Amino acid sequence: MSRTDTREPTDLSEEGEAAGAATTAPVTPNPPADCRELLFQRCLWCGTPAYRRSFCRACGATAFKRERSTGAGVLVRRIGQTPLNTWFVAMDEGFTLVCQVTSTAPVVLAVGARVRVVRAVAPVDQGLPLIELTHRATSLERWW
């Protein structure tokens, strides 16, 4: 018979409870030291950059290495409704991700505007990475 309980046997008190029983706190993933640190994946076979993928979109490989992004990118396309201020962002390393723009009114933003990451690591299951505007797009820089 295999033993599934890995705790060491402890002395029981009068009430039948373990005297030295340790309580376990829920395990939460440790965020990076710097919340601005944006990590992405690069395929080990073909070098294609990706963000949170299980396989490479170019060659289908499942082997990736993690790299640190500079955190700078360009607004490509708005998604969803204006109050949410959600955009596709083409990062300088070559991958695209969905972000939420902060500290700027949605009317000010345009395709082609330069942005940088403010918070790359969102709390567990609570939203998208946050970015902020660094350089407004002029009419000549817009991508349409």
Protein backbone atom coordinates (compact mmCIF):
# COMPACT_ATOMS: atom_id res chain seq x y z
CA MET A 1 0.00 0.00 0.00
CA SER A 2 1.48 3.36 -0.97
CA ARG A 3 1.50 6.21 1.48
CA THR A 4 0.07 9.46 0.15
CA ASP A 5 0.48 11.61 3.26
CA THR A 6 3.99 13.08 3.27
CA ARG A 7 3.78 14.75 6.69
CA GLU A 8 5.86 13.37 9.51
CA PRO A 9 3.95 11.73 12.35
CA THR A 10 3.50 14.06 15.31
CA ASP A 11 2.44 13.61 18.89
CA LEU A 12 -1.26 14.02 19.42
CA SER A 13 -2.61 16.21 22.19
CA GLU A 14 -5.53 15.31 24.45
CA GLU A 15 -8.09 16.63 21.97
CA GLY A 16 -6.74 14.45 19.15
CA GLU A 17 -5.15 17.32 17.23
CA ALA A 18 -1.58 17.32 16.04
CA ALA A 19 0.57 19.33 18.42
CA GLY A 20 3.09 20.38 15.80
CA ALA A 21 0.76 20.68 12.81
CA ALA A 22 1.84 23.41 10.45
CA THR A 23 -0.64 25.47 8.52
CA THR A 24 0.01 25.93 4.85
CA ALA A 25 -0.69 29.23 3.12
CA PRO A 26 -2.03 29.22 -0.44
CA VAL A 27 0.77 29.26 -2.98
CA THR A 28 0.86 32.42 -5.10
CA PRO A 29 3.25 32.97 -7.98
CA ASN A 30 6.09 35.34 -7.17
CA PRO A 31 6.01 38.42 -9.39
CA PRO A 32 9.30 39.72 -10.79
CA ALA A 33 11.10 42.23 -8.60
CA ASP A 34 10.28 45.01 -11.04
CA CYS A 35 6.66 45.18 -12.23
CA ARG A 36 7.81 46.90 -15.42
CA GLU A 37 9.78 43.84 -16.43
CA LEU A 38 8.05 42.28 -19.44
CA LEU A 39 9.20 38.80 -20.34
CA PHE A 40 8.52 37.20 -23.71
CA GLN A 41 9.44 33.93 -25.40
CA ARG A 42 11.79 33.29 -28.32
CA CYS A 43 11.63 30.01 -30.23
CA LEU A 44 14.82 27.98 -29.88
CA TRP A 45 14.45 26.57 -33.40
CA CYS A 46 13.59 29.55 -35.61
CA GLY A 47 14.00 32.58 -33.30
CA THR A 48 10.43 33.87 -33.68
CA PRO A 49 9.35 36.05 -30.71
CA ALA A 50 6.02 35.34 -28.99
CA TYR A 51 4.11 36.31 -25.87
CA ARG A 52 2.55 33.53 -23.75
CA ARG A 53 2.38 30.85 -26.43
CA SER A 54 2.50 27.08 -26.01
CA PHE A 55 3.94 26.53 -29.50
CA CYS A 56 5.74 28.63 -32.12
CA ARG A 57 3.39 30.13 -34.70
CA ALA A 58 6.10 29.92 -37.40
CA CYS A 59 7.55 26.42 -37.04
CA GLY A 60 5.34 24.68 -34.46
CA ALA A 61 8.17 23.97 -32.00
CA THR A 62 7.42 23.90 -28.28
CA ALA A 63 10.91 24.86 -27.06
CA PHE A 64 11.24 28.51 -25.98
CA LYS A 65 13.70 30.63 -24.04
CA ARG A 66 12.57 33.62 -22.00
CA GLU A 67 13.95 37.08 -22.70
CA ARG A 68 13.44 40.50 -21.17
CA SER A 69 11.66 43.09 -23.32
CA THR A 70 12.60 46.77 -23.41
CA GLY A 71 8.94 47.55 -22.77
CA ALA A 72 8.53 49.94 -25.72
CA GLY A 73 6.06 49.49 -28.54
CA VAL A 74 3.55 51.03 -30.96
CA LEU A 75 -0.25 51.04 -30.83
CA VAL A 76 -1.56 48.93 -33.72
CA ARG A 77 -5.31 48.55 -33.28
CA ARG A 78 -7.99 49.30 -30.73
CA ILE A 79 -10.09 46.42 -29.51
CA GLY A 80 -13.35 46.55 -27.65
CA GLN A 81 -15.17 49.63 -26.49
CA THR A 82 -13.57 53.03 -25.95
CA PRO A 83 -14.03 53.20 -22.14
CA LEU A 84 -11.93 50.05 -21.69
CA ASN A 85 -9.04 51.61 -23.66
CA THR A 86 -7.70 48.23 -24.82
CA TRP A 87 -5.22 48.01 -27.71
CA PHE A 88 -3.04 45.60 -29.65
CA VAL A 89 0.56 46.74 -29.16
CA ALA A 90 3.42 45.77 -31.49
CA MET A 91 6.46 45.58 -29.24
CA ASP A 92 9.92 46.53 -30.57
CA GLU A 93 11.13 42.92 -30.25
CA GLY A 94 8.57 41.72 -32.82
CA PHE A 95 5.72 40.22 -30.80
CA THR A 96 2.21 41.58 -30.30
CA LEU A 97 0.17 41.67 -27.10
CA VAL A 98 -3.10 43.05 -25.79
CA CYS A 99 -2.71 45.88 -23.26
CA GLN A 100 -4.78 48.47 -21.48
CA VAL A 101 -3.69 52.11 -21.76
CA THR A 102 -3.63 54.12 -18.54
CA SER A 103 -3.27 57.83 -17.64
CA THR A 104 -4.57 59.00 -21.04
CA ALA A 105 -8.01 59.75 -22.39
CA PRO A 106 -9.07 57.38 -25.21
CA VAL A 107 -9.59 60.37 -27.53
CA VAL A 108 -5.89 61.27 -27.41
CA LEU A 109 -4.69 57.87 -28.61
CA ALA A 110 -4.16 57.01 -32.27
CA VAL A 111 -2.66 54.16 -34.23
CA GLY A 112 1.11 54.62 -34.44
CA ALA A 113 1.55 56.25 -31.02
CA ARG A 114 4.60 55.10 -29.02
CA VAL A 115 3.92 53.52 -25.62
CA ARG A 116 5.87 51.88 -22.78
CA VAL A 117 4.98 49.28 -20.18
CA VAL A 118 3.92 50.56 -16.75
CA ARG A 119 2.88 47.27 -15.17
CA ALA A 120 3.75 44.06 -16.99
CA VAL A 121 2.60 41.64 -14.33
CA ALA A 122 -1.10 41.87 -13.62
CA PRO A 123 -2.42 40.45 -10.34
CA VAL A 124 -3.60 36.86 -10.73
CA ASP A 125 -6.59 36.81 -13.10
CA GLN A 126 -7.10 40.58 -12.81
CA GLY A 127 -6.64 42.34 -16.09
CA LEU A 128 -4.07 43.03 -18.75
CA PRO A 129 -0.60 44.55 -18.74
CA LEU A 130 -0.77 48.35 -18.42
CA ILE A 131 0.97 50.77 -20.79
CA GLU A 132 1.20 54.54 -21.01
CA LEU A 133 1.66 56.97 -23.87
CA THR A 134 5.21 58.25 -24.46
CA HIS A 135 4.91 59.91 -27.89
CA ARG A 136 1.71 60.92 -29.67
CA ALA A 137 1.37 59.92 -33.30
CA THR A 138 1.30 62.79 -35.77
CA SER A 139 -0.85 62.56 -38.87
CA LEU A 140 2.20 61.47 -40.91
CA GLU A 141 3.10 58.67 -38.47
CA ARG A 142 -0.33 57.04 -38.31
CA TRP A 143 -0.56 53.57 -39.81
CA TRP A 144 -3.67 53.92 -41.93
